[in-house]
Amino acid sequence: MDSKEKVTSKRYGRHIPLTKKQGVSGESAGCQDFDDFQVQKHEKDFRSKQLIKEAIMENDFLKNLDSSQVREIVDCMYCQYFTKGTLV
């Protein structure tokens, strides 16, 4: 079935036409691309680390990382200031 074909679903006693959704395909980067990559860690105080960790744990996409991944992200983050009105 191609993406333009319609499927009929019976719901609540009615027929509702559904359009098949298309998938997304991405190329994975090979491991060899990251063999010589070094992360840069930045010093921060305990409160800053806790604040960053709390924000990560509240994020639906990041909260399922294991603790070592969260620690790595926290260690690599740094503060950056922007002037008012700057599009970030």
PDB file of N, CA and C in Angstrom:
ATOM      1  N   MET A   1       0.836  -1.169   0.000  1.00  0.00           N
ATOM      2  CA  MET A   1       0.000   0.000   0.000  1.00  0.00           C
ATOM      3  C   MET A   1       0.886   1.239   0.000  1.00  0.00           C
ATOM      4  N   ASP A   2       0.678   2.149  -0.943  1.00  0.00           N
ATOM      5  CA  ASP A   2       1.478   3.363  -0.921  1.00  0.00           C
ATOM      6  C   ASP A   2       0.841   4.392   0.016  1.00  0.00           C
ATOM      7  N   SER A   3       1.537   5.487   0.252  1.00  0.00           N
ATOM      8  CA  SER A   3       1.103   6.447   1.259  1.00  0.00           C
ATOM      9  C   SER A   3      -0.195   7.167   0.898  1.00  0.00           C
ATOM     10  N   LYS A   4      -0.636   7.077  -0.353  1.00  0.00           N
ATOM     11  CA  LYS A   4      -1.850   7.775  -0.751  1.00  0.00           C
ATOM     12  C   LYS A   4      -3.096   6.895  -0.657  1.00  0.00           C
ATOM     13  N   GLU A   5      -2.915   5.594  -0.486  1.00  0.00           N
ATOM     14  CA  GLU A   5      -4.061   4.708  -0.339  1.00  0.00           C
ATOM     15  C   GLU A   5      -4.712   4.959   1.005  1.00  0.00           C
ATOM     16  N   LYS A   6      -6.023   4.809   1.059  1.00  0.00           N
ATOM     17  CA  LYS A   6      -6.746   5.024   2.299  1.00  0.00           C
ATOM     18  C   LYS A   6      -7.222   3.704   2.862  1.00  0.00           C
ATOM     19  N   VAL A   7      -7.229   3.628   4.171  1.00  0.00           N
ATOM     20  CA  VAL A   7      -7.695   2.455   4.889  1.00  0.00           C
ATOM     21  C   VAL A   7      -8.932   2.886   5.657  1.00  0.00           C
ATOM     22  N   THR A   8      -9.912   2.004   5.735  1.00  0.00           N
ATOM     23  CA  THR A   8     -11.122   2.342   6.468  1.00  0.00           C
ATOM     24  C   THR A   8     -11.096   1.635   7.814  1.00  0.00           C
ATOM     25  N   SER A   9     -11.354   2.395   8.862  1.00  0.00           N
ATOM     26  CA  SER A   9     -11.364   1.857  10.215  1.00  0.00           C
ATOM     27  C   SER A   9     -12.766   1.999  10.784  1.00  0.00           C
ATOM     28  N   LYS A  10     -13.223   0.967  11.459  1.00  0.00           N
ATOM     29  CA  LYS A  10     -14.547   1.029  12.054  1.00  0.00           C
ATOM     30  C   LYS A  10     -14.385   1.452  13.511  1.00  0.00           C
ATOM     31  N   ARG A  11     -14.924   2.609  13.844  1.00  0.00           N
ATOM     32  CA  ARG A  11     -14.818   3.131  15.200  1.00  0.00           C
ATOM     33  C   ARG A  11     -16.121   3.803  15.573  1.00  0.00           C
ATOM     34  N   TYR A  12     -16.628   3.437  16.699  1.00  0.00           N
ATOM     35  CA  TYR A  12     -17.895   3.987  17.181  1.00  0.00           C
ATOM     36  C   TYR A  12     -19.024   3.773  16.171  1.00  0.00           C
ATOM     37  N   GLY A  13     -19.006   2.639  15.492  1.00  0.00           N
ATOM     38  CA  GLY A  13     -20.062   2.302  14.551  1.00  0.00           C
ATOM     39  C   GLY A  13     -20.004   3.048  13.234  1.00  0.00           C
ATOM     40  N   ARG A  14     -18.932   3.807  13.007  1.00  0.00           N
ATOM     41  CA  ARG A  14     -18.801   4.560  11.755  1.00  0.00           C
ATOM     42  C   ARG A  14     -17.529   4.156  11.041  1.00  0.00           C
ATOM     43  N   HIS A  15     -17.509   4.390   9.754  1.00  0.00           N
ATOM     44  CA  HIS A  15     -16.291   4.168   8.972  1.00  0.00           C
ATOM     45  C   HIS A  15     -15.560   5.502   8.861  1.00  0.00           C
ATOM     46  N   ILE A  16     -14.301   5.490   9.275  1.00  0.00           N
ATOM     47  CA  ILE A  16     -13.492   6.703   9.233  1.00  0.00           C
ATOM     48  C   ILE A  16     -12.306   6.448   8.314  1.00  0.00           C
ATOM     49  N   PRO A  17     -12.167   7.230   7.236  1.00  0.00           N
ATOM     50  CA  PRO A  17     -11.015   7.017   6.353  1.00  0.00           C
ATOM     51  C   PRO A  17      -9.718   7.448   7.045  1.00  0.00           C
ATOM     52  N   LEU A  18      -8.705   6.595   6.966  1.00  0.00           N
ATOM     53  CA  LEU A  18      -7.399   6.891   7.548  1.00  0.00           C
ATOM     54  C   LEU A  18      -6.359   6.910   6.448  1.00  0.00           C
ATOM     55  N   THR A  19      -5.476   7.838   6.520  1.00  0.00           N
ATOM     56  CA  THR A  19      -4.378   7.901   5.567  1.00  0.00           C
ATOM     57  C   THR A  19      -3.147   7.299   6.231  1.00  0.00           C
ATOM     58  N   LYS A  20      -2.471   6.418   5.524  1.00  0.00           N
ATOM     59  CA  LYS A  20      -1.273   5.782   6.067  1.00  0.00           C
ATOM     60  C   LYS A  20      -0.181   6.829   6.215  1.00  0.00           C
ATOM     61  N   LYS A  21       0.472   6.825   7.385  1.00  0.00           N
ATOM     62  CA  LYS A  21       1.552   7.777   7.634  1.00  0.00           C
ATOM     63  C   LYS A  21       2.853   7.268   7.029  1.00  0.00           C
ATOM     64  N   GLN A  22       3.654   8.203   6.566  1.00  0.00           N
ATOM     65  CA  GLN A  22       4.951   7.848   6.016  1.00  0.00           C
ATOM     66  C   GLN A  22       5.973   7.765   7.134  1.00  0.00           C
ATOM     67  N   GLY A  23       6.942   6.889   7.005  1.00  0.00           N
ATOM     68  CA  GLY A  23       7.999   6.746   7.990  1.00  0.00           C
ATOM     69  C   GLY A  23       9.156   7.682   7.699  1.00  0.00           C
ATOM     70  N   VAL A  24      10.026   7.814   8.665  1.00  0.00           N
ATOM     71  CA  VAL A  24      11.209   8.648   8.518  1.00  0.00           C
ATOM     72  C   VAL A  24      12.427   7.744   8.588  1.00  0.00           C
ATOM     73  N   SER A  25      13.306   7.910   7.653  1.00  0.00           N
ATOM     74  CA  SER A  25      14.515   7.096   7.633  1.00  0.00           C
ATOM     75  C   SER A  25      15.710   8.019   7.751  1.00  0.00           C
ATOM     76  N   GLY A  26      16.640   7.659   8.613  1.00  0.00           N
ATOM     77  CA  GLY A  26      17.842   8.468   8.768  1.00  0.00           C
ATOM     78  C   GLY A  26      19.069   7.595   8.661  1.00  0.00           C
ATOM     79  N   GLU A  27      20.141   8.178   8.230  1.00  0.00           N
ATOM     80  CA  GLU A  27      21.392   7.432   8.150  1.00  0.00           C
ATOM     81  C   GLU A  27      22.086   7.491   9.497  1.00  0.00           C
ATOM     82  N   SER A  28      22.582   6.351   9.963  1.00  0.00           N
ATOM     83  CA  SER A  28      23.334   6.380  11.209  1.00  0.00           C
ATOM     84  C   SER A  28      24.791   6.675  10.917  1.00  0.00           C
ATOM     85  N   ALA A  29      25.367   7.396  11.850  1.00  0.00           N
ATOM     86  CA  ALA A  29      26.782   7.709  11.705  1.00  0.00           C
ATOM     87  C   ALA A  29      27.581   6.498  12.132  1.00  0.00           C
ATOM     88  N   GLY A  30      28.593   6.216  11.414  1.00  0.00           N
ATOM     89  CA  GLY A  30      29.448   5.091  11.770  1.00  0.00           C
ATOM     90  C   GLY A  30      30.250   5.389  13.028  1.00  0.00           C
ATOM     91  N   CYS A  31      30.555   4.359  13.787  1.00  0.00           N
ATOM     92  CA  CYS A  31      31.318   4.531  15.022  1.00  0.00           C
ATOM     93  C   CYS A  31      32.689   5.130  14.759  1.00  0.00           C
ATOM     94  N   GLN A  32      33.275   4.830  13.618  1.00  0.00           N
ATOM     95  CA  GLN A  32      34.597   5.341  13.317  1.00  0.00           C
ATOM     96  C   GLN A  32      34.602   6.866  13.220  1.00  0.00           C
ATOM     97  N   ASP A  33      33.446   7.482  12.957  1.00  0.00           N
ATOM     98  CA  ASP A  33      33.369   8.936  12.880  1.00  0.00           C
ATOM     99  C   ASP A  33      33.632   9.592  14.235  1.00  0.00           C
ATOM    100  N   PHE A  34      33.416   8.864  15.326  1.00  0.00           N
ATOM    101  CA  PHE A  34      33.524   9.431  16.656  1.00  0.00           C
ATOM    102  C   PHE A  34      34.697   8.874  17.459  1.00  0.00           C
ATOM    103  N   ASP A  35      35.557   8.094  16.833  1.00  0.00           N
ATOM    104  CA  ASP A  35      36.684   7.485  17.547  1.00  0.00           C
ATOM    105  C   ASP A  35      37.601   8.509  18.197  1.00  0.00           C
ATOM    106  N   ASP A  36      37.838   9.630  17.531  1.00  0.00           N
ATOM    107  CA  ASP A  36      38.774  10.620  18.070  1.00  0.00           C
ATOM    108  C   ASP A  36      38.063  11.832  18.671  1.00  0.00           C
ATOM    109  N   PHE A  37      36.770  11.722  18.908  1.00  0.00           N
ATOM    110  CA  PHE A  37      36.000  12.831  19.465  1.00  0.00           C
ATOM    111  C   PHE A  37      36.216  12.923  20.969  1.00  0.00           C
ATOM    112  N   GLN A  38      36.573  14.092  21.455  1.00  0.00           N
ATOM    113  CA  GLN A  38      36.778  14.330  22.882  1.00  0.00           C
ATOM    114  C   GLN A  38      35.746  15.344  23.381  1.00  0.00           C
ATOM    115  N   VAL A  39      35.033  14.987  24.448  1.00  0.00           N
ATOM    116  CA  VAL A  39      34.065  15.926  25.012  1.00  0.00           C
ATOM    117  C   VAL A  39      34.812  16.920  25.893  1.00  0.00           C
ATOM    118  N   GLN A  40      34.287  18.127  25.951  1.00  0.00           N
ATOM    119  CA  GLN A  40      34.904  19.155  26.779  1.00  0.00           C
ATOM    120  C   GLN A  40      34.026  19.356  28.011  1.00  0.00           C
ATOM    121  N   LYS A  41      34.579  19.113  29.182  1.00  0.00           N
ATOM    122  CA  LYS A  41      33.839  19.254  30.430  1.00  0.00           C
ATOM    123  C   LYS A  41      34.088  20.632  31.016  1.00  0.00           C
ATOM    124  N   HIS A  42      33.069  21.155  31.703  1.00  0.00           N
ATOM    125  CA  HIS A  42      33.144  22.491  32.273  1.00  0.00           C
ATOM    126  C   HIS A  42      32.828  22.428  33.761  1.00  0.00           C
ATOM    127  N   GLU A  43      33.649  23.099  34.564  1.00  0.00           N
ATOM    128  CA  GLU A  43      33.442  23.141  36.012  1.00  0.00           C
ATOM    129  C   GLU A  43      32.165  23.916  36.339  1.00  0.00           C
ATOM    130  N   LYS A  44      31.461  23.425  37.357  1.00  0.00           N
ATOM    131  CA  LYS A  44      30.276  24.129  37.847  1.00  0.00           C
ATOM    132  C   LYS A  44      30.041  23.733  39.288  1.00  0.00           C
ATOM    133  N   ASP A  45      29.318  24.556  40.017  1.00  0.00           N
ATOM    134  CA  ASP A  45      29.063  24.251  41.423  1.00  0.00           C
ATOM    135  C   ASP A  45      27.953  23.208  41.558  1.00  0.00           C
ATOM    136  N   PHE A  46      27.810  22.680  42.767  1.00  0.00           N
ATOM    137  CA  PHE A  46      26.849  21.609  43.039  1.00  0.00           C
ATOM    138  C   PHE A  46      25.427  22.021  42.669  1.00  0.00           C
ATOM    139  N   ARG A  47      25.032  23.239  43.029  1.00  0.00           N
ATOM    140  CA  ARG A  47      23.659  23.712  42.747  1.00  0.00           C
ATOM    141  C   ARG A  47      23.394  23.753  41.243  1.00  0.00           C
ATOM    142  N   SER A  48      24.346  24.195  40.471  1.00  0.00           N
ATOM    143  CA  SER A  48      24.179  24.244  39.010  1.00  0.00           C
ATOM    144  C   SER A  48      24.007  22.842  38.444  1.00  0.00           C
ATOM    145  N   LYS A  49      24.815  21.893  38.949  1.00  0.00           N
ATOM    146  CA  LYS A  49      24.702  20.507  38.496  1.00  0.00           C
ATOM    147  C   LYS A  49      23.317  19.940  38.814  1.00  0.00           C
ATOM    148  N   GLN A  50      22.834  20.214  40.017  1.00  0.00           N
ATOM    149  CA  GLN A  50      21.513  19.721  40.420  1.00  0.00           C
ATOM    150  C   GLN A  50      20.409  20.328  39.551  1.00  0.00           C
ATOM    151  N   LEU A  51      20.506  21.618  39.278  1.00  0.00           N
ATOM    152  CA  LEU A  51      19.505  22.313  38.458  1.00  0.00           C
ATOM    153  C   LEU A  51      19.451  21.718  37.048  1.00  0.00           C
ATOM    154  N   ILE A  52      20.614  21.460  36.460  1.00  0.00           N
ATOM    155  CA  ILE A  52      20.682  20.871  35.121  1.00  0.00           C
ATOM    156  C   ILE A  52      20.109  19.456  35.142  1.00  0.00           C
ATOM    157  N   LYS A  53      20.494  18.669  36.136  1.00  0.00           N
ATOM    158  CA  LYS A  53      20.008  17.297  36.241  1.00  0.00           C
ATOM    159  C   LYS A  53      18.488  17.258  36.394  1.00  0.00           C
ATOM    160  N   GLU A  54      17.935  18.146  37.224  1.00  0.00           N
ATOM    161  CA  GLU A  54      16.477  18.214  37.406  1.00  0.00           C
ATOM    162  C   GLU A  54      15.780  18.547  36.087  1.00  0.00           C
ATOM    163  N   ALA A  55      16.344  19.465  35.331  1.00  0.00           N
ATOM    164  CA  ALA A  55      15.760  19.836  34.037  1.00  0.00           C
ATOM    165  C   ALA A  55      15.784  18.653  33.073  1.00  0.00           C
ATOM    166  N   ILE A  56      16.875  17.904  33.073  1.00  0.00           N
ATOM    167  CA  ILE A  56      16.976  16.723  32.204  1.00  0.00           C
ATOM    168  C   ILE A  56      15.935  15.688  32.597  1.00  0.00           C
ATOM    169  N   MET A  57      15.762  15.465  33.877  1.00  0.00           N
ATOM    170  CA  MET A  57      14.826  14.447  34.357  1.00  0.00           C
ATOM    171  C   MET A  57      13.366  14.827  34.105  1.00  0.00           C
ATOM    172  N   GLU A  58      13.096  16.103  33.897  1.00  0.00           N
ATOM    173  CA  GLU A  58      11.739  16.553  33.574  1.00  0.00           C
ATOM    174  C   GLU A  58      11.471  16.554  32.066  1.00  0.00           C
ATOM    175  N   ASN A  59      12.507  16.352  31.269  1.00  0.00           N
ATOM    176  CA  ASN A  59      12.377  16.368  29.818  1.00  0.00           C
ATOM    177  C   ASN A  59      11.953  14.983  29.329  1.00  0.00           C
ATOM    178  N   ASP A  60      10.847  14.915  28.591  1.00  0.00           N
ATOM    179  CA  ASP A  60      10.310  13.635  28.123  1.00  0.00           C
ATOM    180  C   ASP A  60      11.281  12.864  27.233  1.00  0.00           C
ATOM    181  N   PHE A  61      12.159  13.543  26.521  1.00  0.00           N
ATOM    182  CA  PHE A  61      13.088  12.869  25.623  1.00  0.00           C
ATOM    183  C   PHE A  61      14.373  12.436  26.323  1.00  0.00           C
ATOM    184  N   LEU A  62      14.720  13.086  27.419  1.00  0.00           N
ATOM    185  CA  LEU A  62      15.996  12.810  28.078  1.00  0.00           C
ATOM    186  C   LEU A  62      15.869  12.041  29.384  1.00  0.00           C
ATOM    187  N   LYS A  63      14.684  11.987  29.958  1.00  0.00           N
ATOM    188  CA  LYS A  63      14.535  11.409  31.296  1.00  0.00           C
ATOM    189  C   LYS A  63      14.806   9.905  31.363  1.00  0.00           C
ATOM    190  N   ASN A  64      14.850   9.222  30.237  1.00  0.00           N
ATOM    191  CA  ASN A  64      15.099   7.781  30.234  1.00  0.00           C
ATOM    192  C   ASN A  64      16.559   7.405  29.998  1.00  0.00           C
ATOM    193  N   LEU A  65      17.432   8.396  29.967  1.00  0.00           N
ATOM    194  CA  LEU A  65      18.862   8.107  29.828  1.00  0.00           C
ATOM    195  C   LEU A  65      19.366   7.464  31.110  1.00  0.00           C
ATOM    196  N   ASP A  66      20.422   6.659  30.995  1.00  0.00           N
ATOM    197  CA  ASP A  66      20.971   6.085  32.227  1.00  0.00           C
ATOM    198  C   ASP A  66      21.829   7.138  32.934  1.00  0.00           C
ATOM    199  N   SER A  67      22.112   6.890  34.189  1.00  0.00           N
ATOM    200  CA  SER A  67      22.763   7.898  35.034  1.00  0.00           C
ATOM    201  C   SER A  67      24.119   8.351  34.492  1.00  0.00           C
ATOM    202  N   SER A  68      24.867   7.454  33.864  1.00  0.00           N
ATOM    203  CA  SER A  68      26.175   7.857  33.322  1.00  0.00           C
ATOM    204  C   SER A  68      26.002   8.829  32.150  1.00  0.00           C
ATOM    205  N   GLN A  69      24.947   8.643  31.355  1.00  0.00           N
ATOM    206  CA  GLN A  69      24.689   9.558  30.243  1.00  0.00           C
ATOM    207  C   GLN A  69      24.264  10.927  30.765  1.00  0.00           C
ATOM    208  N   VAL A  70      23.421  10.934  31.782  1.00  0.00           N
ATOM    209  CA  VAL A  70      22.981  12.202  32.384  1.00  0.00           C
ATOM    210  C   VAL A  70      24.194  12.933  32.960  1.00  0.00           C
ATOM    211  N   ARG A  71      25.048  12.218  33.667  1.00  0.00           N
ATOM    212  CA  ARG A  71      26.250  12.812  34.267  1.00  0.00           C
ATOM    213  C   ARG A  71      27.149  13.421  33.187  1.00  0.00           C
ATOM    214  N   GLU A  72      27.296  12.725  32.073  1.00  0.00           N
ATOM    215  CA  GLU A  72      28.128  13.224  30.966  1.00  0.00           C
ATOM    216  C   GLU A  72      27.548  14.518  30.383  1.00  0.00           C
ATOM    217  N   ILE A  73      26.237  14.552  30.213  1.00  0.00           N
ATOM    218  CA  ILE A  73      25.585  15.761  29.687  1.00  0.00           C
ATOM    219  C   ILE A  73      25.782  16.923  30.654  1.00  0.00           C
ATOM    220  N   VAL A  74      25.533  16.660  31.934  1.00  0.00           N
ATOM    221  CA  VAL A  74      25.684  17.708  32.957  1.00  0.00           C
ATOM    222  C   VAL A  74      27.111  18.243  32.967  1.00  0.00           C
ATOM    223  N   ASP A  75      28.089  17.355  32.913  1.00  0.00           N
ATOM    224  CA  ASP A  75      29.500  17.766  32.946  1.00  0.00           C
ATOM    225  C   ASP A  75      29.886  18.625  31.750  1.00  0.00           C
ATOM    226  N   CYS A  76      29.253  18.404  30.614  1.00  0.00           N
ATOM    227  CA  CYS A  76      29.634  19.106  29.384  1.00  0.00           C
ATOM    228  C   CYS A  76      28.877  20.414  29.158  1.00  0.00           C
ATOM    229  N   MET A  77      27.838  20.646  29.926  1.00  0.00           N
ATOM    230  CA  MET A  77      27.056  21.878  29.736  1.00  0.00           C
ATOM    231  C   MET A  77      27.791  23.069  30.334  1.00  0.00           C
ATOM    232  N   TYR A  78      27.524  24.247  29.792  1.00  0.00           N
ATOM    233  CA  TYR A  78      28.131  25.477  30.303  1.00  0.00           C
ATOM    234  C   TYR A  78      27.143  26.617  30.161  1.00  0.00           C
ATOM    235  N   CYS A  79      27.375  27.648  30.935  1.00  0.00           N
ATOM    236  CA  CYS A  79      26.495  28.806  30.944  1.00  0.00           C
ATOM    237  C   CYS A  79      26.812  29.706  29.753  1.00  0.00           C
ATOM    238  N   GLN A  80      25.760  30.201  29.132  1.00  0.00           N
ATOM    239  CA  GLN A  80      25.944  31.131  28.022  1.00  0.00           C
ATOM    240  C   GLN A  80      24.894  32.223  28.170  1.00  0.00           C
ATOM    241  N   TYR A  81      25.305  33.462  28.074  1.00  0.00           N
ATOM    242  CA  TYR A  81      24.406  34.599  28.242  1.00  0.00           C
ATOM    243  C   TYR A  81      24.043  35.182  26.886  1.00  0.00           C
ATOM    244  N   PHE A  82      22.801  35.684  26.792  1.00  0.00           N
ATOM    245  CA  PHE A  82      22.318  36.309  25.565  1.00  0.00           C
ATOM    246  C   PHE A  82      21.710  37.661  25.910  1.00  0.00           C
ATOM    247  N   THR A  83      21.815  38.594  25.009  1.00  0.00           N
ATOM    248  CA  THR A  83      21.198  39.893  25.231  1.00  0.00           C
ATOM    249  C   THR A  83      19.703  39.790  24.976  1.00  0.00           C
ATOM    250  N   LYS A  84      18.967  40.644  25.643  1.00  0.00           N
ATOM    251  CA  LYS A  84      17.516  40.657  25.519  1.00  0.00           C
ATOM    252  C   LYS A  84      17.122  40.830  24.054  1.00  0.00           C
ATOM    253  N   GLY A  85      16.147  40.024  23.628  1.00  0.00           N
ATOM    254  CA  GLY A  85      15.652  40.097  22.262  1.00  0.00           C
ATOM    255  C   GLY A  85      16.386  39.200  21.278  1.00  0.00           C
ATOM    256  N   THR A  86      17.425  38.514  21.738  1.00  0.00           N
ATOM    257  CA  THR A  86      18.179  37.609  20.866  1.00  0.00           C
ATOM    258  C   THR A  86      17.366  36.355  20.600  1.00  0.00           C
ATOM    259  N   LEU A  87      17.275  35.944  19.361  1.00  0.00           N
ATOM    260  CA  LEU A  87      16.585  34.722  18.989  1.00  0.00           C
ATOM    261  C   LEU A  87      17.527  33.546  19.238  1.00  0.00           C
ATOM    262  N   VAL A  88      17.107  32.637  20.115  1.00  0.00           N
ATOM    263  CA  VAL A  88      17.939  31.488  20.467  1.00  0.00           C
ATOM    264  C   VAL A  88      17.349  30.241  19.849  1.00  0.00           C
TER     265      VAL A  88
END
